All heavy atoms as atom14 arrays in JSON, in Angstrom:
{
  "sequence": "NAFGAFVHPDNFRCRHWAAMCKAADLPTGCTLHSLRHTAATLML",
  "atom14_mask": [
    [1, 1, 1, 1, 1, 1, 1, 1, 0, 0, 0, 0, 0, 0],
    [1, 1, 1, 1, 1, 0, 0, 0, 0, 0, 0, 0, 0, 0],
    [1, 1, 1, 1, 1, 1, 1, 1, 1, 1, 1, 0, 0, 0],
    [1, 1, 1, 1, 0, 0, 0, 0, 0, 0, 0, 0, 0, 0],
    [1, 1, 1, 1, 1, 0, 0, 0, 0, 0, 0, 0, 0, 0],
    [1, 1, 1, 1, 1, 1, 1, 1, 1, 1, 1, 0, 0, 0],
    [1, 1, 1, 1, 1, 1, 1, 0, 0, 0, 0, 0, 0, 0],
    [1, 1, 1, 1, 1, 1, 1, 1, 1, 1, 0, 0, 0, 0],
    [1, 1, 1, 1, 1, 1, 1, 0, 0, 0, 0, 0, 0, 0],
    [1, 1, 1, 1, 1, 1, 1, 1, 0, 0, 0, 0, 0, 0],
    [1, 1, 1, 1, 1, 1, 1, 1, 0, 0, 0, 0, 0, 0],
    [1, 1, 1, 1, 1, 1, 1, 1, 1, 1, 1, 0, 0, 0],
    [1, 1, 1, 1, 1, 1, 1, 1, 1, 1, 1, 0, 0, 0],
    [1, 1, 1, 1, 1, 1, 0, 0, 0, 0, 0, 0, 0, 0],
    [1, 1, 1, 1, 1, 1, 1, 1, 1, 1, 1, 0, 0, 0],
    [1, 1, 1, 1, 1, 1, 1, 1, 1, 1, 0, 0, 0, 0],
    [1, 1, 1, 1, 1, 1, 1, 1, 1, 1, 1, 1, 1, 1],
    [1, 1, 1, 1, 1, 0, 0, 0, 0, 0, 0, 0, 0, 0],
    [1, 1, 1, 1, 1, 0, 0, 0, 0, 0, 0, 0, 0, 0],
    [1, 1, 1, 1, 1, 1, 1, 1, 0, 0, 0, 0, 0, 0],
    [1, 1, 1, 1, 1, 1, 0, 0, 0, 0, 0, 0, 0, 0],
    [1, 1, 1, 1, 1, 1, 1, 1, 1, 0, 0, 0, 0, 0],
    [1, 1, 1, 1, 1, 0, 0, 0, 0, 0, 0, 0, 0, 0],
    [1, 1, 1, 1, 1, 0, 0, 0, 0, 0, 0, 0, 0, 0],
    [1, 1, 1, 1, 1, 1, 1, 1, 0, 0, 0, 0, 0, 0],
    [1, 1, 1, 1, 1, 1, 1, 1, 0, 0, 0, 0, 0, 0],
    [1, 1, 1, 1, 1, 1, 1, 0, 0, 0, 0, 0, 0, 0],
    [1, 1, 1, 1, 1, 1, 1, 0, 0, 0, 0, 0, 0, 0],
    [1, 1, 1, 1, 0, 0, 0, 0, 0, 0, 0, 0, 0, 0],
    [1, 1, 1, 1, 1, 1, 0, 0, 0, 0, 0, 0, 0, 0],
    [1, 1, 1, 1, 1, 1, 1, 0, 0, 0, 0, 0, 0, 0],
    [1, 1, 1, 1, 1, 1, 1, 1, 0, 0, 0, 0, 0, 0],
    [1, 1, 1, 1, 1, 1, 1, 1, 1, 1, 0, 0, 0, 0],
    [1, 1, 1, 1, 1, 1, 0, 0, 0, 0, 0, 0, 0, 0],
    [1, 1, 1, 1, 1, 1, 1, 1, 0, 0, 0, 0, 0, 0],
    [1, 1, 1, 1, 1, 1, 1, 1, 1, 1, 1, 0, 0, 0],
    [1, 1, 1, 1, 1, 1, 1, 1, 1, 1, 0, 0, 0, 0],
    [1, 1, 1, 1, 1, 1, 1, 0, 0, 0, 0, 0, 0, 0],
    [1, 1, 1, 1, 1, 0, 0, 0, 0, 0, 0, 0, 0, 0],
    [1, 1, 1, 1, 1, 0, 0, 0, 0, 0, 0, 0, 0, 0],
    [1, 1, 1, 1, 1, 1, 1, 0, 0, 0, 0, 0, 0, 0],
    [1, 1, 1, 1, 1, 1, 1, 1, 0, 0, 0, 0, 0, 0],
    [1, 1, 1, 1, 1, 1, 1, 1, 0, 0, 0, 0, 0, 0],
    [1, 1, 1, 1, 1, 1, 1, 1, 0, 0, 0, 0, 0, 0]
  ],
  "atom14_positions": [
    [[0.85, -1.18, 0.0], [0.0, 0.0, 0.0], [0.9, 1.24, 0.0], [2.13, 1.13, -0.12], [-0.98, -0.01, 1.18], [-0.29, 0.14, 2.53], [0.91, 0.44, 2.62], [-1.04, -0.05, 3.6], [0.0, 0.0, 0.0], [0.0, 0.0, 0.0], [0.0, 0.0, 0.0], [0.0, 0.0, 0.0], [0.0, 0.0, 0.0], [0.0, 0.0, 0.0]],
    [[0.32, 2.41, 0.14], [1.09, 3.66, 0.01], [2.09, 3.87, 1.13], [2.92, 4.79, 1.05], [0.13, 4.85, -0.06], [0.0, 0.0, 0.0], [0.0, 0.0, 0.0], [0.0, 0.0, 0.0], [0.0, 0.0, 0.0], [0.0, 0.0, 0.0], [0.0, 0.0, 0.0], [0.0, 0.0, 0.0], [0.0, 0.0, 0.0], [0.0, 0.0, 0.0]],
    [[2.06, 3.03, 2.17], [2.98, 3.19, 3.3], [3.9, 1.98, 3.48], [4.55, 1.84, 4.51], [2.2, 3.46, 4.58], [1.37, 4.71, 4.51], [0.01, 4.64, 4.23], [1.95, 5.96, 4.67], [-0.76, 5.79, 4.14], [1.19, 7.12, 4.58], [-0.17, 7.04, 4.32], [0.0, 0.0, 0.0], [0.0, 0.0, 0.0], [0.0, 0.0, 0.0]],
    [[3.93, 1.09, 2.49], [4.84, -0.05, 2.53], [4.28, -1.27, 3.24], [4.99, -2.26, 3.4], [0.0, 0.0, 0.0], [0.0, 0.0, 0.0], [0.0, 0.0, 0.0], [0.0, 0.0, 0.0], [0.0, 0.0, 0.0], [0.0, 0.0, 0.0], [0.0, 0.0, 0.0], [0.0, 0.0, 0.0], [0.0, 0.0, 0.0], [0.0, 0.0, 0.0]],
    [[3.03, -1.21, 3.66], [2.41, -2.35, 4.35], [1.7, -3.26, 3.33], [1.68, -2.98, 2.13], [1.43, -1.86, 5.4], [0.0, 0.0, 0.0], [0.0, 0.0, 0.0], [0.0, 0.0, 0.0], [0.0, 0.0, 0.0], [0.0, 0.0, 0.0], [0.0, 0.0, 0.0], [0.0, 0.0, 0.0], [0.0, 0.0, 0.0], [0.0, 0.0, 0.0]],
    [[1.11, -4.34, 3.84], [0.39, -5.27, 2.97], [-0.79, -4.59, 2.28], [-1.45, -3.73, 2.86], [-0.14, -6.46, 3.78], [0.92, -7.43, 4.21], [1.43, -7.41, 5.5], [1.42, -8.37, 3.33], [2.41, -8.3, 5.91], [2.4, -9.28, 3.72], [2.89, -9.24, 5.01], [0.0, 0.0, 0.0], [0.0, 0.0, 0.0], [0.0, 0.0, 0.0]],
    [[-1.03, -4.98, 1.05], [-2.23, -4.53, 0.33], [-3.43, -5.26, 0.91], [-3.42, -6.49, 1.03], [-2.11, -4.84, -1.17], [-3.43, -4.56, -1.88], [-0.99, -4.02, -1.8], [0.0, 0.0, 0.0], [0.0, 0.0, 0.0], [0.0, 0.0, 0.0], [0.0, 0.0, 0.0], [0.0, 0.0, 0.0], [0.0, 0.0, 0.0], [0.0, 0.0, 0.0]],
    [[-4.47, -4.52, 1.29], [-5.7, -5.13, 1.76], [-6.55, -5.49, 0.55], [-6.98, -4.6, -0.19], [-6.46, -4.18, 2.68], [-5.78, -3.95, 3.99], [-6.44, -3.53, 5.12], [-4.48, -4.11, 4.38], [-5.59, -3.43, 6.13], [-4.4, -3.77, 5.7], [0.0, 0.0, 0.0], [0.0, 0.0, 0.0], [0.0, 0.0, 0.0], [0.0, 0.0, 0.0]],
    [[-6.82, -6.77, 0.31], [-7.55, -7.2, -0.88], [-8.89, -6.48, -1.07], [-9.25, -6.13, -2.2], [-7.75, -8.69, -0.66], [-6.62, -9.09, 0.22], [-6.4, -7.93, 1.13], [0.0, 0.0, 0.0], [0.0, 0.0, 0.0], [0.0, 0.0, 0.0], [0.0, 0.0, 0.0], [0.0, 0.0, 0.0], [0.0, 0.0, 0.0], [0.0, 0.0, 0.0]],
    [[-9.63, -6.26, 0.01], [-10.93, -5.61, -0.11], [-10.79, -4.16, -0.57], [-11.63, -3.67, -1.34], [-11.69, -5.67, 1.22], [-12.21, -7.06, 1.53], [-12.28, -7.88, 0.59], [-12.54, -7.33, 2.69], [0.0, 0.0, 0.0], [0.0, 0.0, 0.0], [0.0, 0.0, 0.0], [0.0, 0.0, 0.0], [0.0, 0.0, 0.0], [0.0, 0.0, 0.0]],
    [[-9.76, -3.47, -0.09], [-9.53, -2.09, -0.54], [-9.26, -2.05, -2.03], [-9.79, -1.21, -2.76], [-8.36, -1.47, 0.23], [-8.72, -1.11, 1.66], [-9.89, -1.12, 2.02], [-7.72, -0.82, 2.47], [0.0, 0.0, 0.0], [0.0, 0.0, 0.0], [0.0, 0.0, 0.0], [0.0, 0.0, 0.0], [0.0, 0.0, 0.0], [0.0, 0.0, 0.0]],
    [[-8.4, -2.96, -2.5], [-8.09, -3.01, -3.93], [-9.34, -3.35, -4.74], [-9.62, -2.72, -5.76], [-7.01, -4.06, -4.19], [-6.87, -4.42, -5.64], [-6.28, -3.55, -6.53], [-7.36, -5.63, -6.12], [-6.16, -3.87, -7.88], [-7.25, -5.96, -7.46], [-6.65, -5.08, -8.34], [0.0, 0.0, 0.0], [0.0, 0.0, 0.0], [0.0, 0.0, 0.0]],
    [[-10.09, -4.34, -4.27], [-11.27, -4.78, -5.02], [-12.32, -3.68, -5.14], [-12.85, -3.44, -6.23], [-11.88, -6.01, -4.34], [-13.14, -6.54, -5.0], [-13.59, -7.83, -4.33], [-13.76, -7.67, -2.9], [-14.85, -7.15, -2.33], [-15.86, -6.75, -3.08], [-14.94, -7.05, -1.02], [0.0, 0.0, 0.0], [0.0, 0.0, 0.0], [0.0, 0.0, 0.0]],
    [[-12.6, -3.01, -4.04], [-13.68, -2.01, -4.03], [-13.28, -0.7, -4.71], [-14.08, -0.09, -5.41], [-14.12, -1.73, -2.6], [-14.85, -3.16, -1.77], [0.0, 0.0, 0.0], [0.0, 0.0, 0.0], [0.0, 0.0, 0.0], [0.0, 0.0, 0.0], [0.0, 0.0, 0.0], [0.0, 0.0, 0.0], [0.0, 0.0, 0.0], [0.0, 0.0, 0.0]],
    [[-12.04, -0.27, -4.51], [-11.63, 1.05, -4.99], [-11.01, 1.03, -6.38], [-11.19, 1.97, -7.15], [-10.64, 1.67, -4.0], [-11.24, 1.9, -2.61], [-10.22, 2.51, -1.67], [-10.76, 2.68, -0.33], [-10.08, 3.18, 0.7], [-8.82, 3.56, 0.53], [-10.63, 3.28, 1.88], [0.0, 0.0, 0.0], [0.0, 0.0, 0.0], [0.0, 0.0, 0.0]],
    [[-10.28, -0.01, -6.7], [-9.55, -0.01, -7.97], [-10.06, -1.06, -8.96], [-10.27, -0.75, -10.12], [-8.05, -0.22, -7.71], [-7.39, 0.98, -7.1], [-6.67, 1.89, -7.84], [-7.34, 1.41, -5.83], [-6.2, 2.84, -7.05], [-6.59, 2.57, -5.82], [0.0, 0.0, 0.0], [0.0, 0.0, 0.0], [0.0, 0.0, 0.0], [0.0, 0.0, 0.0]],
    [[-10.22, -2.3, -8.5], [-10.6, -3.37, -9.41], [-11.94, -3.09, -10.09], [-12.07, -3.25, -11.3], [-10.64, -4.7, -8.69], [-11.11, -5.83, -9.55], [-12.3, -6.48, -9.5], [-10.39, -6.43, -10.64], [-12.38, -7.45, -10.47], [-11.22, -7.44, -11.18], [-9.13, -6.22, -11.19], [-10.82, -8.23, -12.26], [-8.74, -7.01, -12.28], [-9.57, -8.0, -12.79]],
    [[-12.93, -2.67, -9.32], [-14.26, -2.4, -9.9], [-14.17, -1.33, -10.97], [-14.8, -1.44, -12.03], [-15.23, -1.98, -8.79], [0.0, 0.0, 0.0], [0.0, 0.0, 0.0], [0.0, 0.0, 0.0], [0.0, 0.0, 0.0], [0.0, 0.0, 0.0], [0.0, 0.0, 0.0], [0.0, 0.0, 0.0], [0.0, 0.0, 0.0], [0.0, 0.0, 0.0]],
    [[-13.36, -0.28, -10.71], [-13.22, 0.81, -11.69], [-12.46, 0.33, -12.92], [-12.79, 0.73, -14.05], [-12.49, 1.98, -11.04], [0.0, 0.0, 0.0], [0.0, 0.0, 0.0], [0.0, 0.0, 0.0], [0.0, 0.0, 0.0], [0.0, 0.0, 0.0], [0.0, 0.0, 0.0], [0.0, 0.0, 0.0], [0.0, 0.0, 0.0], [0.0, 0.0, 0.0]],
    [[-11.47, -0.53, -12.75], [-10.74, -1.09, -13.88], [-11.67, -1.9, -14.79], [-11.64, -1.76, -16.02], [-9.62, -2.02, -13.39], [-8.39, -1.34, -12.86], [-7.16, -2.63, -12.47], [-6.05, -1.7, -11.41], [0.0, 0.0, 0.0], [0.0, 0.0, 0.0], [0.0, 0.0, 0.0], [0.0, 0.0, 0.0], [0.0, 0.0, 0.0], [0.0, 0.0, 0.0]],
    [[-12.45, -2.77, -14.17], [-13.36, -3.63, -14.94], [-14.36, -2.81, -15.74], [-14.67, -3.13, -16.89], [-14.1, -4.59, -14.0], [-13.05, -5.84, -13.26], [0.0, 0.0, 0.0], [0.0, 0.0, 0.0], [0.0, 0.0, 0.0], [0.0, 0.0, 0.0], [0.0, 0.0, 0.0], [0.0, 0.0, 0.0], [0.0, 0.0, 0.0], [0.0, 0.0, 0.0]],
    [[-14.88, -1.75, -15.13], [-15.84, -0.89, -15.81], [-15.19, -0.17, -16.98], [-15.75, -0.1, -18.08], [-16.42, 0.12, -14.82], [-17.51, 1.01, -15.42], [-18.1, 1.93, -14.35], [-19.19, 2.81, -14.97], [-19.77, 3.74, -13.95], [0.0, 0.0, 0.0], [0.0, 0.0, 0.0], [0.0, 0.0, 0.0], [0.0, 0.0, 0.0], [0.0, 0.0, 0.0]],
    [[-13.99, 0.37, -16.75], [-13.3, 1.11, -17.81], [-12.88, 0.19, -18.96], [-12.86, 0.61, -20.12], [-12.08, 1.81, -17.23], [0.0, 0.0, 0.0], [0.0, 0.0, 0.0], [0.0, 0.0, 0.0], [0.0, 0.0, 0.0], [0.0, 0.0, 0.0], [0.0, 0.0, 0.0], [0.0, 0.0, 0.0], [0.0, 0.0, 0.0], [0.0, 0.0, 0.0]],
    [[-12.56, -1.07, -18.65], [-12.12, -2.03, -19.67], [-13.29, -2.79, -20.28], [-13.09, -3.61, -21.18], [-11.13, -3.0, -19.07], [0.0, 0.0, 0.0], [0.0, 0.0, 0.0], [0.0, 0.0, 0.0], [0.0, 0.0, 0.0], [0.0, 0.0, 0.0], [0.0, 0.0, 0.0], [0.0, 0.0, 0.0], [0.0, 0.0, 0.0], [0.0, 0.0, 0.0]],
    [[-14.52, -2.53, -19.77], [-15.73, -3.18, -20.27], [-15.6, -4.71, -20.2], [-15.82, -5.42, -21.18], [-16.02, -2.74, -21.71], [-17.42, -3.16, -22.17], [-18.3, -3.32, -21.31], [-17.61, -3.34, -23.4], [0.0, 0.0, 0.0], [0.0, 0.0, 0.0], [0.0, 0.0, 0.0], [0.0, 0.0, 0.0], [0.0, 0.0, 0.0], [0.0, 0.0, 0.0]],
    [[-15.25, -5.19, -19.01], [-15.09, -6.64, -18.81], [-16.42, -7.28, -18.45], [-17.33, -6.61, -17.96], [-14.07, -6.9, -17.7], [-12.65, -6.39, -17.94], [-11.72, -6.86, -16.83], [-12.12, -6.84, -19.29], [0.0, 0.0, 0.0], [0.0, 0.0, 0.0], [0.0, 0.0, 0.0], [0.0, 0.0, 0.0], [0.0, 0.0, 0.0], [0.0, 0.0, 0.0]],
    [[-16.55, -8.58, -18.66], [-17.82, -9.27, -18.37], [-18.15, -9.26, -16.87], [-17.27, -9.19, -16.02], [-17.58, -10.69, -18.87], [-16.1, -10.85, -18.9], [-15.56, -9.5, -19.24], [0.0, 0.0, 0.0], [0.0, 0.0, 0.0], [0.0, 0.0, 0.0], [0.0, 0.0, 0.0], [0.0, 0.0, 0.0], [0.0, 0.0, 0.0], [0.0, 0.0, 0.0]],
    [[-19.44, -9.34, -16.57], [-19.9, -9.38, -15.18], [-19.34, -10.61, -14.47], [-19.26, -11.69, -15.05], [-21.44, -9.42, -15.13], [-21.96, -8.28, -15.83], [-21.94, -9.39, -13.69], [0.0, 0.0, 0.0], [0.0, 0.0, 0.0], [0.0, 0.0, 0.0], [0.0, 0.0, 0.0], [0.0, 0.0, 0.0], [0.0, 0.0, 0.0], [0.0, 0.0, 0.0]],
    [[-18.98, -10.42, -13.23], [-18.47, -11.55, -12.46], [-16.97, -11.75, -12.56], [-16.42, -12.7, -11.99], [0.0, 0.0, 0.0], [0.0, 0.0, 0.0], [0.0, 0.0, 0.0], [0.0, 0.0, 0.0], [0.0, 0.0, 0.0], [0.0, 0.0, 0.0], [0.0, 0.0, 0.0], [0.0, 0.0, 0.0], [0.0, 0.0, 0.0], [0.0, 0.0, 0.0]],
    [[-16.28, -10.87, -13.26], [-14.84, -10.99, -13.41], [-14.15, -10.55, -12.12], [-14.42, -9.48, -11.58], [-14.35, -10.12, -14.58], [-12.6, -10.33, -14.95], [0.0, 0.0, 0.0], [0.0, 0.0, 0.0], [0.0, 0.0, 0.0], [0.0, 0.0, 0.0], [0.0, 0.0, 0.0], [0.0, 0.0, 0.0], [0.0, 0.0, 0.0], [0.0, 0.0, 0.0]],
    [[-13.29, -11.39, -11.58], [-12.54, -11.09, -10.36], [-11.05, -11.18, -10.65], [-10.64, -11.58, -11.76], [-12.89, -12.08, -9.24], [-12.44, -13.4, -9.62], [-14.4, -12.12, -8.98], [0.0, 0.0, 0.0], [0.0, 0.0, 0.0], [0.0, 0.0, 0.0], [0.0, 0.0, 0.0], [0.0, 0.0, 0.0], [0.0, 0.0, 0.0], [0.0, 0.0, 0.0]],
    [[-10.25, -10.83, -9.66], [-8.8, -10.95, -9.85], [-8.43, -12.41, -10.11], [-7.5, -12.69, -10.87], [-8.07, -10.42, -8.61], [-6.54, -10.36, -8.71], [-6.09, -9.42, -9.82], [-5.93, -9.9, -7.38], [0.0, 0.0, 0.0], [0.0, 0.0, 0.0], [0.0, 0.0, 0.0], [0.0, 0.0, 0.0], [0.0, 0.0, 0.0], [0.0, 0.0, 0.0]],
    [[-9.16, -13.35, -9.5], [-8.89, -14.77, -9.72], [-9.21, -15.17, -11.16], [-8.67, -16.17, -11.66], [-9.7, -15.62, -8.74], [-9.2, -17.03, -8.62], [-8.04, -17.36, -7.97], [-9.71, -18.2, -9.1], [-7.86, -18.67, -8.03], [-8.85, -19.2, -8.71], [0.0, 0.0, 0.0], [0.0, 0.0, 0.0], [0.0, 0.0, 0.0], [0.0, 0.0, 0.0]],
    [[-10.08, -14.4, -11.82], [-10.4, -14.69, -13.22], [-9.16, -14.54, -14.1], [-9.07, -15.17, -15.16], [-11.5, -13.74, -13.72], [-12.68, -13.9, -12.98], [0.0, 0.0, 0.0], [0.0, 0.0, 0.0], [0.0, 0.0, 0.0], [0.0, 0.0, 0.0], [0.0, 0.0, 0.0], [0.0, 0.0, 0.0], [0.0, 0.0, 0.0], [0.0, 0.0, 0.0]],
    [[-8.21, -13.72, -13.67], [-6.99, -13.55, -14.45], [-6.14, -14.82, -14.39], [-5.38, -15.11, -15.31], [-6.19, -12.34, -13.95], [-6.95, -11.01, -13.92], [-6.0, -9.85, -13.68], [-7.75, -10.79, -15.2], [0.0, 0.0, 0.0], [0.0, 0.0, 0.0], [0.0, 0.0, 0.0], [0.0, 0.0, 0.0], [0.0, 0.0, 0.0], [0.0, 0.0, 0.0]],
    [[-6.26, -15.56, -13.3], [-5.59, -16.87, -13.2], [-6.23, -17.84, -14.2], [-5.52, -18.58, -14.89], [-5.7, -17.4, -11.78], [-5.07, -18.76, -11.54], [-5.07, -19.06, -10.04], [-4.78, -20.46, -9.74], [-3.55, -20.96, -9.65], [-2.5, -20.2, -9.87], [-3.36, -22.24, -9.35], [0.0, 0.0, 0.0], [0.0, 0.0, 0.0], [0.0, 0.0, 0.0]],
    [[-7.57, -17.83, -14.27], [-8.26, -18.67, -15.27], [-7.87, -18.25, -16.67], [-7.7, -19.08, -17.57], [-9.77, -18.54, -15.09], [-10.28, -19.07, -13.8], [-9.87, -20.27, -13.27], [-11.18, -18.56, -12.91], [-10.49, -20.48, -12.1], [-11.28, -19.45, -11.87], [0.0, 0.0, 0.0], [0.0, 0.0, 0.0], [0.0, 0.0, 0.0], [0.0, 0.0, 0.0]],
    [[-7.73, -16.94, -16.87], [-7.35, -16.42, -18.18], [-5.97, -16.93, -18.58], [-5.78, -17.4, -19.71], [-7.36, -14.88, -18.17], [-8.67, -14.42, -17.86], [-6.92, -14.32, -19.5], [0.0, 0.0, 0.0], [0.0, 0.0, 0.0], [0.0, 0.0, 0.0], [0.0, 0.0, 0.0], [0.0, 0.0, 0.0], [0.0, 0.0, 0.0], [0.0, 0.0, 0.0]],
    [[-5.02, -16.84, -17.66], [-3.66, -17.3, -17.96], [-3.65, -18.78, -18.32], [-3.0, -19.2, -19.29], [-2.76, -17.04, -16.75], [0.0, 0.0, 0.0], [0.0, 0.0, 0.0], [0.0, 0.0, 0.0], [0.0, 0.0, 0.0], [0.0, 0.0, 0.0], [0.0, 0.0, 0.0], [0.0, 0.0, 0.0], [0.0, 0.0, 0.0], [0.0, 0.0, 0.0]],
    [[-4.39, -19.59, -17.57], [-4.44, -21.03, -17.83], [-5.08, -21.32, -19.18], [-4.57, -22.13, -19.97], [-5.23, -21.73, -16.72], [0.0, 0.0, 0.0], [0.0, 0.0, 0.0], [0.0, 0.0, 0.0], [0.0, 0.0, 0.0], [0.0, 0.0, 0.0], [0.0, 0.0, 0.0], [0.0, 0.0, 0.0], [0.0, 0.0, 0.0], [0.0, 0.0, 0.0]],
    [[-6.18, -20.63, -19.46], [-6.89, -20.85, -20.73], [-6.03, -20.47, -21.92], [-5.94, -21.21, -22.91], [-8.2, -20.03, -20.75], [-9.02, -20.43, -19.65], [-8.96, -20.24, -22.04], [0.0, 0.0, 0.0], [0.0, 0.0, 0.0], [0.0, 0.0, 0.0], [0.0, 0.0, 0.0], [0.0, 0.0, 0.0], [0.0, 0.0, 0.0], [0.0, 0.0, 0.0]],
    [[-5.38, -19.31, -21.85], [-4.57, -18.85, -22.97], [-3.34, -19.75, -23.17], [-2.93, -19.98, -24.31], [-4.13, -17.4, -22.74], [-5.27, -16.36, -22.69], [-4.71, -14.96, -22.51], [-6.11, -16.43, -23.97], [0.0, 0.0, 0.0], [0.0, 0.0, 0.0], [0.0, 0.0, 0.0], [0.0, 0.0, 0.0], [0.0, 0.0, 0.0], [0.0, 0.0, 0.0]],
    [[-2.77, -20.26, -22.09], [-1.65, -21.19, -22.23], [-2.08, -22.46, -22.95], [-1.4, -22.93, -23.87], [-1.07, -21.54, -20.85], [-0.11, -20.51, -20.29], [0.81, -21.13, -18.84], [-0.47, -21.12, -17.59], [0.0, 0.0, 0.0], [0.0, 0.0, 0.0], [0.0, 0.0, 0.0], [0.0, 0.0, 0.0], [0.0, 0.0, 0.0], [0.0, 0.0, 0.0]],
    [[-3.22, -23.01, -22.54], [-3.7, -24.25, -23.16], [-4.08, -24.02, -24.62], [-3.8, -24.86, -25.49], [-4.9, -24.79, -22.38], [-4.59, -25.32, -20.97], [-5.87, -25.63, -20.21], [-3.71, -26.57, -21.05], [0.0, 0.0, 0.0], [0.0, 0.0, 0.0], [0.0, 0.0, 0.0], [0.0, 0.0, 0.0], [0.0, 0.0, 0.0], [0.0, 0.0, 0.0]]
  ]
}
């Protein structure tokens, strides 16, 4: 975080991730874990 401590997942999800998904026009239900599914799918 901005002070060198651990990132709180809920803070990231509520403040940044939701805004990213909206700006990128991603499908409903997309989470950070979806990027893990994405990596696996694209590799296969």
